[in-house]
Amino acid sequence: MPLLDFVAIAEQLPESWKSSCLGQVGPARIKVLRMDEQTYEEETHDYNEGLLVISGYLHLRIGDLAIRVDAGQMYLVEAGTAHGMLTGSQGTLMIIDL
């Protein structure tokens, strides 16, 4: 796999909150996106999703809980768990679909 600069790739994406798939490691899909302080509607997946903050921070909503995920931290959203992004998230997010 080539060297990937997640921040540079995310900055070049035409839209925030729209991920780009960079590759696959075994069954895991590796994606990156740019966060822009806007909310992102709640969604649910039939697979686990790792949300790894590369730079900045993520304001995640799980049910009634608001969770801040800082650079260098990852939140694992288990399959079937509804989650959304609250106002204020900014930076680069790597998503690992498992």
PDB file of N, CA and C in Angstrom:
ATOM      1  N   MET A   1       0.856  -1.172   0.000  1.00  0.00           N
ATOM      2  CA  MET A   1       0.000   0.000   0.000  1.00  0.00           C
ATOM      3  C   MET A   1       0.900   1.232   0.000  1.00  0.00           C
ATOM      4  N   PRO A   2       0.566   2.215  -0.802  1.00  0.00           N
ATOM      5  CA  PRO A   2       1.386   3.430  -0.837  1.00  0.00           C
ATOM      6  C   PRO A   2       1.227   4.247   0.447  1.00  0.00           C
ATOM      7  N   LEU A   3       2.121   5.205   0.610  1.00  0.00           N
ATOM      8  CA  LEU A   3       2.038   6.130   1.733  1.00  0.00           C
ATOM      9  C   LEU A   3       0.813   7.018   1.547  1.00  0.00           C
ATOM     10  N   LEU A   4      -0.016   7.108   2.568  1.00  0.00           N
ATOM     11  CA  LEU A   4      -1.248   7.906   2.491  1.00  0.00           C
ATOM     12  C   LEU A   4      -1.186   9.034   3.516  1.00  0.00           C
ATOM     13  N   ASP A   5      -1.417  10.258   3.063  1.00  0.00           N
ATOM     14  CA  ASP A   5      -1.485  11.420   3.940  1.00  0.00           C
ATOM     15  C   ASP A   5      -2.965  11.744   4.106  1.00  0.00           C
ATOM     16  N   PHE A   6      -3.568  11.251   5.187  1.00  0.00           N
ATOM     17  CA  PHE A   6      -5.018  11.381   5.380  1.00  0.00           C
ATOM     18  C   PHE A   6      -5.474  12.837   5.412  1.00  0.00           C
ATOM     19  N   VAL A   7      -4.709  13.703   6.055  1.00  0.00           N
ATOM     20  CA  VAL A   7      -5.095  15.113   6.137  1.00  0.00           C
ATOM     21  C   VAL A   7      -5.099  15.740   4.744  1.00  0.00           C
ATOM     22  N   ALA A   8      -4.060  15.520   3.974  1.00  0.00           N
ATOM     23  CA  ALA A   8      -3.981  16.090   2.625  1.00  0.00           C
ATOM     24  C   ALA A   8      -5.088  15.541   1.727  1.00  0.00           C
ATOM     25  N   ILE A   9      -5.359  14.257   1.826  1.00  0.00           N
ATOM     26  CA  ILE A   9      -6.420  13.655   1.007  1.00  0.00           C
ATOM     27  C   ILE A   9      -7.767  14.246   1.383  1.00  0.00           C
ATOM     28  N   ALA A  10      -8.042  14.361   2.679  1.00  0.00           N
ATOM     29  CA  ALA A  10      -9.328  14.907   3.140  1.00  0.00           C
ATOM     30  C   ALA A  10      -9.505  16.355   2.703  1.00  0.00           C
ATOM     31  N   GLU A  11      -8.429  17.148   2.751  1.00  0.00           N
ATOM     32  CA  GLU A  11      -8.516  18.550   2.348  1.00  0.00           C
ATOM     33  C   GLU A  11      -8.861  18.706   0.873  1.00  0.00           C
ATOM     34  N   GLN A  12      -8.513  17.721   0.062  1.00  0.00           N
ATOM     35  CA  GLN A  12      -8.767  17.786  -1.377  1.00  0.00           C
ATOM     36  C   GLN A  12     -10.144  17.253  -1.773  1.00  0.00           C
ATOM     37  N   LEU A  13     -10.866  16.649  -0.845  1.00  0.00           N
ATOM     38  CA  LEU A  13     -12.188  16.125  -1.170  1.00  0.00           C
ATOM     39  C   LEU A  13     -13.134  17.275  -1.488  1.00  0.00           C
ATOM     40  N   PRO A  14     -13.990  17.123  -2.504  1.00  0.00           N
ATOM     41  CA  PRO A  14     -14.863  18.220  -2.913  1.00  0.00           C
ATOM     42  C   PRO A  14     -15.953  18.576  -1.907  1.00  0.00           C
ATOM     43  N   GLU A  15     -16.364  17.619  -1.069  1.00  0.00           N
ATOM     44  CA  GLU A  15     -17.429  17.876  -0.105  1.00  0.00           C
ATOM     45  C   GLU A  15     -17.046  17.337   1.269  1.00  0.00           C
ATOM     46  N   SER A  16     -17.458  18.065   2.305  1.00  0.00           N
ATOM     47  CA  SER A  16     -17.268  17.549   3.650  1.00  0.00           C
ATOM     48  C   SER A  16     -18.292  16.451   3.910  1.00  0.00           C
ATOM     49  N   TRP A  17     -17.992  15.606   4.864  1.00  0.00           N
ATOM     50  CA  TRP A  17     -18.848  14.501   5.294  1.00  0.00           C
ATOM     51  C   TRP A  17     -19.152  13.490   4.182  1.00  0.00           C
ATOM     52  N   LYS A  18     -18.399  13.525   3.084  1.00  0.00           N
ATOM     53  CA  LYS A  18     -18.521  12.522   2.022  1.00  0.00           C
ATOM     54  C   LYS A  18     -17.199  11.775   1.976  1.00  0.00           C
ATOM     55  N   SER A  19     -17.219  10.524   2.400  1.00  0.00           N
ATOM     56  CA  SER A  19     -15.976   9.764   2.512  1.00  0.00           C
ATOM     57  C   SER A  19     -15.487   9.272   1.162  1.00  0.00           C
ATOM     58  N   SER A  20     -14.184   9.032   1.126  1.00  0.00           N
ATOM     59  CA  SER A  20     -13.535   8.452  -0.043  1.00  0.00           C
ATOM     60  C   SER A  20     -12.847   7.172   0.417  1.00  0.00           C
ATOM     61  N   CYS A  21     -13.127   6.070  -0.264  1.00  0.00           N
ATOM     62  CA  CYS A  21     -12.514   4.784   0.092  1.00  0.00           C
ATOM     63  C   CYS A  21     -11.096   4.753  -0.465  1.00  0.00           C
ATOM     64  N   LEU A  22     -10.132   4.520   0.418  1.00  0.00           N
ATOM     65  CA  LEU A  22      -8.726   4.519   0.028  1.00  0.00           C
ATOM     66  C   LEU A  22      -8.178   3.127  -0.217  1.00  0.00           C
ATOM     67  N   GLY A  23      -8.851   2.126   0.300  1.00  0.00           N
ATOM     68  CA  GLY A  23      -8.373   0.767   0.119  1.00  0.00           C
ATOM     69  C   GLY A  23      -9.025  -0.182   1.095  1.00  0.00           C
ATOM     70  N   GLN A  24      -8.521  -1.394   1.070  1.00  0.00           N
ATOM     71  CA  GLN A  24      -9.074  -2.441   1.912  1.00  0.00           C
ATOM     72  C   GLN A  24      -7.935  -3.245   2.494  1.00  0.00           C
ATOM     73  N   VAL A  25      -8.061  -3.585   3.777  1.00  0.00           N
ATOM     74  CA  VAL A  25      -7.100  -4.450   4.460  1.00  0.00           C
ATOM     75  C   VAL A  25      -7.911  -5.619   4.988  1.00  0.00           C
ATOM     76  N   GLY A  26      -7.728  -6.789   4.384  1.00  0.00           N
ATOM     77  CA  GLY A  26      -8.592  -7.921   4.722  1.00  0.00           C
ATOM     78  C   GLY A  26     -10.027  -7.514   4.442  1.00  0.00           C
ATOM     79  N   PRO A  27     -10.937  -7.767   5.378  1.00  0.00           N
ATOM     80  CA  PRO A  27     -12.329  -7.385   5.154  1.00  0.00           C
ATOM     81  C   PRO A  27     -12.632  -5.918   5.480  1.00  0.00           C
ATOM     82  N   ALA A  28     -11.660  -5.192   6.057  1.00  0.00           N
ATOM     83  CA  ALA A  28     -11.897  -3.811   6.506  1.00  0.00           C
ATOM     84  C   ALA A  28     -11.681  -2.815   5.370  1.00  0.00           C
ATOM     85  N   ARG A  29     -12.676  -1.962   5.164  1.00  0.00           N
ATOM     86  CA  ARG A  29     -12.557  -0.869   4.197  1.00  0.00           C
ATOM     87  C   ARG A  29     -12.041   0.362   4.940  1.00  0.00           C
ATOM     88  N   ILE A  30     -11.049   1.038   4.353  1.00  0.00           N
ATOM     89  CA  ILE A  30     -10.441   2.226   4.943  1.00  0.00           C
ATOM     90  C   ILE A  30     -10.918   3.443   4.151  1.00  0.00           C
ATOM     91  N   LYS A  31     -11.575   4.388   4.871  1.00  0.00           N
ATOM     92  CA  LYS A  31     -12.103   5.586   4.218  1.00  0.00           C
ATOM     93  C   LYS A  31     -11.629   6.822   4.976  1.00  0.00           C
ATOM     94  N   VAL A  32     -11.679   7.965   4.323  1.00  0.00           N
ATOM     95  CA  VAL A  32     -11.309   9.226   4.961  1.00  0.00           C
ATOM     96  C   VAL A  32     -12.327  10.283   4.564  1.00  0.00           C
ATOM     97  N   LEU A  33     -12.549  11.249   5.459  1.00  0.00           N
ATOM     98  CA  LEU A  33     -13.427  12.375   5.142  1.00  0.00           C
ATOM     99  C   LEU A  33     -13.005  13.608   5.903  1.00  0.00           C
ATOM    100  N   ARG A  34     -13.513  14.733   5.446  1.00  0.00           N
ATOM    101  CA  ARG A  34     -13.252  16.025   6.077  1.00  0.00           C
ATOM    102  C   ARG A  34     -14.485  16.448   6.855  1.00  0.00           C
ATOM    103  N   MET A  35     -14.275  16.801   8.120  1.00  0.00           N
ATOM    104  CA  MET A  35     -15.366  17.295   8.971  1.00  0.00           C
ATOM    105  C   MET A  35     -15.358  18.822   8.917  1.00  0.00           C
ATOM    106  N   ASP A  36     -16.544  19.445   8.915  1.00  0.00           N
ATOM    107  CA  ASP A  36     -16.603  20.900   8.722  1.00  0.00           C
ATOM    108  C   ASP A  36     -17.498  21.637   9.719  1.00  0.00           C
ATOM    109  N   GLU A  37     -17.621  21.136  10.914  1.00  0.00           N
ATOM    110  CA  GLU A  37     -18.378  21.766  11.999  1.00  0.00           C
ATOM    111  C   GLU A  37     -19.895  21.667  11.844  1.00  0.00           C
ATOM    112  N   GLN A  38     -20.403  21.139  10.743  1.00  0.00           N
ATOM    113  CA  GLN A  38     -21.840  20.973  10.571  1.00  0.00           C
ATOM    114  C   GLN A  38     -22.275  19.623  11.137  1.00  0.00           C
ATOM    115  N   THR A  39     -23.563  19.508  11.388  1.00  0.00           N
ATOM    116  CA  THR A  39     -24.099  18.235  11.859  1.00  0.00           C
ATOM    117  C   THR A  39     -24.165  17.235  10.703  1.00  0.00           C
ATOM    118  N   TYR A  40     -24.236  15.978  11.053  1.00  0.00           N
ATOM    119  CA  TYR A  40     -24.452  14.925  10.063  1.00  0.00           C
ATOM    120  C   TYR A  40     -25.536  14.028  10.624  1.00  0.00           C
ATOM    121  N   GLU A  41     -26.528  13.778   9.818  1.00  0.00           N
ATOM    122  CA  GLU A  41     -27.704  13.044  10.280  1.00  0.00           C
ATOM    123  C   GLU A  41     -27.373  11.654  10.803  1.00  0.00           C
ATOM    124  N   GLU A  42     -28.222  11.195  11.691  1.00  0.00           N
ATOM    125  CA  GLU A  42     -28.078   9.873  12.299  1.00  0.00           C
ATOM    126  C   GLU A  42     -28.164   8.787  11.231  1.00  0.00           C
ATOM    127  N   GLU A  43     -27.338   7.761  11.398  1.00  0.00           N
ATOM    128  CA  GLU A  43     -27.345   6.620  10.491  1.00  0.00           C
ATOM    129  C   GLU A  43     -27.058   5.349  11.272  1.00  0.00           C
ATOM    130  N   THR A  44     -27.386   4.225  10.680  1.00  0.00           N
ATOM    131  CA  THR A  44     -27.156   2.920  11.276  1.00  0.00           C
ATOM    132  C   THR A  44     -26.603   2.004  10.190  1.00  0.00           C
ATOM    133  N   HIS A  45     -25.650   1.155  10.550  1.00  0.00           N
ATOM    134  CA  HIS A  45     -25.049   0.230   9.593  1.00  0.00           C
ATOM    135  C   HIS A  45     -25.203  -1.211  10.086  1.00  0.00           C
ATOM    136  N   ASP A  46     -25.086  -2.151   9.161  1.00  0.00           N
ATOM    137  CA  ASP A  46     -25.131  -3.564   9.542  1.00  0.00           C
ATOM    138  C   ASP A  46     -23.721  -4.132   9.746  1.00  0.00           C
ATOM    139  N   TYR A  47     -22.763  -3.247   9.946  1.00  0.00           N
ATOM    140  CA  TYR A  47     -21.370  -3.628  10.206  1.00  0.00           C
ATOM    141  C   TYR A  47     -20.792  -2.686  11.265  1.00  0.00           C
ATOM    142  N   ASN A  48     -19.727  -3.107  11.927  1.00  0.00           N
ATOM    143  CA  ASN A  48     -19.031  -2.247  12.887  1.00  0.00           C
ATOM    144  C   ASN A  48     -18.300  -1.147  12.131  1.00  0.00           C
ATOM    145  N   GLU A  49     -18.178   0.016  12.780  1.00  0.00           N
ATOM    146  CA  GLU A  49     -17.519   1.151  12.139  1.00  0.00           C
ATOM    147  C   GLU A  49     -16.584   1.809  13.151  1.00  0.00           C
ATOM    148  N   GLY A  50     -15.293   1.806  12.844  1.00  0.00           N
ATOM    149  CA  GLY A  50     -14.317   2.492  13.688  1.00  0.00           C
ATOM    150  C   GLY A  50     -14.172   3.920  13.200  1.00  0.00           C
ATOM    151  N   LEU A  51     -14.329   4.889  14.088  1.00  0.00           N
ATOM    152  CA  LEU A  51     -14.197   6.308  13.767  1.00  0.00           C
ATOM    153  C   LEU A  51     -12.925   6.818  14.431  1.00  0.00           C
ATOM    154  N   LEU A  52     -11.854   6.935  13.655  1.00  0.00           N
ATOM    155  CA  LEU A  52     -10.537   7.328  14.151  1.00  0.00           C
ATOM    156  C   LEU A  52     -10.256   8.772  13.747  1.00  0.00           C
ATOM    157  N   VAL A  53     -10.130   9.646  14.731  1.00  0.00           N
ATOM    158  CA  VAL A  53      -9.864  11.056  14.459  1.00  0.00           C
ATOM    159  C   VAL A  53      -8.367  11.226  14.215  1.00  0.00           C
ATOM    160  N   ILE A  54      -8.026  11.689  13.021  1.00  0.00           N
ATOM    161  CA  ILE A  54      -6.631  11.920  12.639  1.00  0.00           C
ATOM    162  C   ILE A  54      -6.188  13.302  13.097  1.00  0.00           C
ATOM    163  N   SER A  55      -7.044  14.302  12.860  1.00  0.00           N
ATOM    164  CA  SER A  55      -6.761  15.664  13.319  1.00  0.00           C
ATOM    165  C   SER A  55      -8.077  16.309  13.735  1.00  0.00           C
ATOM    166  N   GLY A  56      -8.003  17.251  14.655  1.00  0.00           N
ATOM    167  CA  GLY A  56      -9.206  17.922  15.138  1.00  0.00           C
ATOM    168  C   GLY A  56      -9.926  17.086  16.177  1.00  0.00           C
ATOM    169  N   TYR A  57     -11.254  17.113  16.100  1.00  0.00           N
ATOM    170  CA  TYR A  57     -12.078  16.353  17.044  1.00  0.00           C
ATOM    171  C   TYR A  57     -13.453  16.094  16.445  1.00  0.00           C
ATOM    172  N   LEU A  58     -14.091  15.053  16.947  1.00  0.00           N
ATOM    173  CA  LEU A  58     -15.407  14.607  16.498  1.00  0.00           C
ATOM    174  C   LEU A  58     -16.377  14.728  17.656  1.00  0.00           C
ATOM    175  N   HIS A  59     -17.503  15.366  17.406  1.00  0.00           N
ATOM    176  CA  HIS A  59     -18.591  15.416  18.391  1.00  0.00           C
ATOM    177  C   HIS A  59     -19.624  14.389  17.930  1.00  0.00           C
ATOM    178  N   LEU A  60     -19.615  13.243  18.560  1.00  0.00           N
ATOM    179  CA  LEU A  60     -20.427  12.102  18.177  1.00  0.00           C
ATOM    180  C   LEU A  60     -21.665  12.019  19.060  1.00  0.00           C
ATOM    181  N   ARG A  61     -22.786  11.632  18.466  1.00  0.00           N
ATOM    182  CA  ARG A  61     -24.003  11.410  19.235  1.00  0.00           C
ATOM    183  C   ARG A  61     -24.385   9.937  19.111  1.00  0.00           C
ATOM    184  N   ILE A  62     -24.497   9.282  20.268  1.00  0.00           N
ATOM    185  CA  ILE A  62     -24.971   7.899  20.350  1.00  0.00           C
ATOM    186  C   ILE A  62     -26.185   7.945  21.262  1.00  0.00           C
ATOM    187  N   GLY A  63     -27.381   7.826  20.689  1.00  0.00           N
ATOM    188  CA  GLY A  63     -28.594   7.954  21.494  1.00  0.00           C
ATOM    189  C   GLY A  63     -28.660   9.336  22.108  1.00  0.00           C
ATOM    190  N   ASP A  64     -28.779   9.399  23.425  1.00  0.00           N
ATOM    191  CA  ASP A  64     -28.825  10.677  24.138  1.00  0.00           C
ATOM    192  C   ASP A  64     -27.444  11.140  24.600  1.00  0.00           C
ATOM    193  N   LEU A  65     -26.409  10.359  24.317  1.00  0.00           N
ATOM    194  CA  LEU A  65     -25.058  10.696  24.765  1.00  0.00           C
ATOM    195  C   LEU A  65     -24.312  11.525  23.728  1.00  0.00           C
ATOM    196  N   ALA A  66     -23.612  12.550  24.187  1.00  0.00           N
ATOM    197  CA  ALA A  66     -22.694  13.318  23.355  1.00  0.00           C
ATOM    198  C   ALA A  66     -21.283  12.910  23.759  1.00  0.00           C
ATOM    199  N   ILE A  67     -20.479  12.483  22.789  1.00  0.00           N
ATOM    200  CA  ILE A  67     -19.143  11.968  23.067  1.00  0.00           C
ATOM    201  C   ILE A  67     -18.143  12.743  22.216  1.00  0.00           C
ATOM    202  N   ARG A  68     -17.111  13.264  22.854  1.00  0.00           N
ATOM    203  CA  ARG A  68     -16.051  13.948  22.116  1.00  0.00           C
ATOM    204  C   ARG A  68     -14.915  12.953  21.889  1.00  0.00           C
ATOM    205  N   VAL A  69     -14.510  12.835  20.631  1.00  0.00           N
ATOM    206  CA  VAL A  69     -13.407  11.960  20.253  1.00  0.00           C
ATOM    207  C   VAL A  69     -12.303  12.868  19.709  1.00  0.00           C
ATOM    208  N   ASP A  70     -11.156  12.879  20.368  1.00  0.00           N
ATOM    209  CA  ASP A  70     -10.052  13.757  19.996  1.00  0.00           C
ATOM    210  C   ASP A  70      -9.074  13.060  19.059  1.00  0.00           C
ATOM    211  N   ALA A  71      -8.184  13.857  18.468  1.00  0.00           N
ATOM    212  CA  ALA A  71      -7.148  13.321  17.582  1.00  0.00           C
ATOM    213  C   ALA A  71      -6.373  12.219  18.297  1.00  0.00           C
ATOM    214  N   GLY A  72      -6.192  11.118  17.601  1.00  0.00           N
ATOM    215  CA  GLY A  72      -5.501   9.973  18.185  1.00  0.00           C
ATOM    216  C   GLY A  72      -6.415   8.999  18.891  1.00  0.00           C
ATOM    217  N   GLN A  73      -7.711   9.334  18.980  1.00  0.00           N
ATOM    218  CA  GLN A  73      -8.683   8.441  19.616  1.00  0.00           C
ATOM    219  C   GLN A  73      -9.625   7.859  18.566  1.00  0.00           C
ATOM    220  N   MET A  74     -10.163   6.681  18.889  1.00  0.00           N
ATOM    221  CA  MET A  74     -11.121   6.034  18.000  1.00  0.00           C
ATOM    222  C   MET A  74     -12.328   5.581  18.809  1.00  0.00           C
ATOM    223  N   TYR A  75     -13.500   5.749  18.239  1.00  0.00           N
ATOM    224  CA  TYR A  75     -14.735   5.235  18.833  1.00  0.00           C
ATOM    225  C   TYR A  75     -15.225   4.113  17.923  1.00  0.00           C
ATOM    226  N   LEU A  76     -15.513   2.967  18.503  1.00  0.00           N
ATOM    227  CA  LEU A  76     -16.031   1.836  17.737  1.00  0.00           C
ATOM    228  C   LEU A  76     -17.548   1.802  17.875  1.00  0.00           C
ATOM    229  N   VAL A  77     -18.230   2.072  16.770  1.00  0.00           N
ATOM    230  CA  VAL A  77     -19.691   2.016  16.735  1.00  0.00           C
ATOM    231  C   VAL A  77     -20.071   0.601  16.317  1.00  0.00           C
ATOM    232  N   GLU A  78     -20.752  -0.110  17.185  1.00  0.00           N
ATOM    233  CA  GLU A  78     -21.121  -1.487  16.871  1.00  0.00           C
ATOM    234  C   GLU A  78     -22.274  -1.523  15.883  1.00  0.00           C
ATOM    235  N   ALA A  79     -22.317  -2.572  15.088  1.00  0.00           N
ATOM    236  CA  ALA A  79     -23.375  -2.756  14.094  1.00  0.00           C
ATOM    237  C   ALA A  79     -24.740  -2.583  14.737  1.00  0.00           C
ATOM    238  N   GLY A  80     -25.634  -1.885  14.028  1.00  0.00           N
ATOM    239  CA  GLY A  80     -26.988  -1.688  14.515  1.00  0.00           C
ATOM    240  C   GLY A  80     -27.157  -0.513  15.461  1.00  0.00           C
ATOM    241  N   THR A  81     -26.073   0.194  15.780  1.00  0.00           N
ATOM    242  CA  THR A  81     -26.138   1.340  16.700  1.00  0.00           C
ATOM    243  C   THR A  81     -26.328   2.629  15.908  1.00  0.00           C
ATOM    244  N   ALA A  82     -27.412   3.335  16.175  1.00  0.00           N
ATOM    245  CA  ALA A  82     -27.651   4.622  15.514  1.00  0.00           C
ATOM    246  C   ALA A  82     -26.649   5.641  16.054  1.00  0.00           C
ATOM    247  N   HIS A  83     -26.079   6.444  15.146  1.00  0.00           N
ATOM    248  CA  HIS A  83     -25.109   7.457  15.529  1.00  0.00           C
ATOM    249  C   HIS A  83     -25.153   8.625  14.548  1.00  0.00           C
ATOM    250  N   GLY A  84     -24.838   9.800  15.047  1.00  0.00           N
ATOM    251  CA  GLY A  84     -24.810  11.000  14.227  1.00  0.00           C
ATOM    252  C   GLY A  84     -23.711  11.918  14.722  1.00  0.00           C
ATOM    253  N   MET A  85     -23.454  12.986  13.968  1.00  0.00           N
ATOM    254  CA  MET A  85     -22.410  13.936  14.325  1.00  0.00           C
ATOM    255  C   MET A  85     -23.054  15.255  14.731  1.00  0.00           C
ATOM    256  N   LEU A  86     -22.613  15.782  15.860  1.00  0.00           N
ATOM    257  CA  LEU A  86     -23.123  17.040  16.367  1.00  0.00           C
ATOM    258  C   LEU A  86     -22.343  18.218  15.795  1.00  0.00           C
ATOM    259  N   THR A  87     -22.903  19.403  15.906  1.00  0.00           N
ATOM    260  CA  THR A  87     -22.246  20.622  15.449  1.00  0.00           C
ATOM    261  C   THR A  87     -20.894  20.779  16.127  1.00  0.00           C
ATOM    262  N   GLY A  88     -19.911  21.210  15.372  1.00  0.00           N
ATOM    263  CA  GLY A  88     -18.602  21.514  15.936  1.00  0.00           C
ATOM    264  C   GLY A  88     -17.486  20.561  15.549  1.00  0.00           C
ATOM    265  N   SER A  89     -17.799  19.410  14.977  1.00  0.00           N
ATOM    266  CA  SER A  89     -16.740  18.479  14.571  1.00  0.00           C
ATOM    267  C   SER A  89     -15.891  19.120  13.481  1.00  0.00           C
ATOM    268  N   GLN A  90     -14.580  18.978  13.599  1.00  0.00           N
ATOM    269  CA  GLN A  90     -13.697  19.552  12.579  1.00  0.00           C
ATOM    270  C   GLN A  90     -12.425  18.740  12.467  1.00  0.00           C
ATOM    271  N   GLY A  91     -11.845  18.726  11.287  1.00  0.00           N
ATOM    272  CA  GLY A  91     -10.598  18.022  11.065  1.00  0.00           C
ATOM    273  C   GLY A  91     -10.763  16.862  10.108  1.00  0.00           C
ATOM    274  N   THR A  92      -9.952  15.841  10.320  1.00  0.00           N
ATOM    275  CA  THR A  92      -9.911  14.682   9.433  1.00  0.00           C
ATOM    276  C   THR A  92     -10.320  13.430  10.199  1.00  0.00           C
ATOM    277  N   LEU A  93     -11.199  12.662   9.589  1.00  0.00           N
ATOM    278  CA  LEU A  93     -11.707  11.433  10.197  1.00  0.00           C
ATOM    279  C   LEU A  93     -11.413  10.258   9.286  1.00  0.00           C
ATOM    280  N   MET A  94     -10.802   9.219   9.841  1.00  0.00           N
ATOM    281  CA  MET A  94     -10.623   7.963   9.118  1.00  0.00           C
ATOM    282  C   MET A  94     -11.692   7.008   9.600  1.00  0.00           C
ATOM    283  N   ILE A  95     -12.342   6.344   8.668  1.00  0.00           N
ATOM    284  CA  ILE A  95     -13.400   5.390   8.984  1.00  0.00           C
ATOM    285  C   ILE A  95     -12.934   4.009   8.581  1.00  0.00           C
ATOM    286  N   ILE A  96     -13.091   3.075   9.490  1.00  0.00           N
ATOM    287  CA  ILE A  96     -12.723   1.685   9.224  1.00  0.00           C
ATOM    288  C   ILE A  96     -14.013   0.875   9.331  1.00  0.00           C
ATOM    289  N   ASP A  97     -14.497   0.401   8.198  1.00  0.00           N
ATOM    290  CA  ASP A  97     -15.697  -0.428   8.158  1.00  0.00           C
ATOM    291  C   ASP A  97     -15.289  -1.872   8.326  1.00  0.00           C
ATOM    292  N   LEU A  98     -15.821  -2.521   9.363  1.00  0.00           N
ATOM    293  CA  LEU A  98     -15.433  -3.896   9.673  1.00  0.00           C
ATOM    294  C   LEU A  98     -16.571  -4.859   9.429  1.00  0.00           C
TER     295      LEU A  98
END
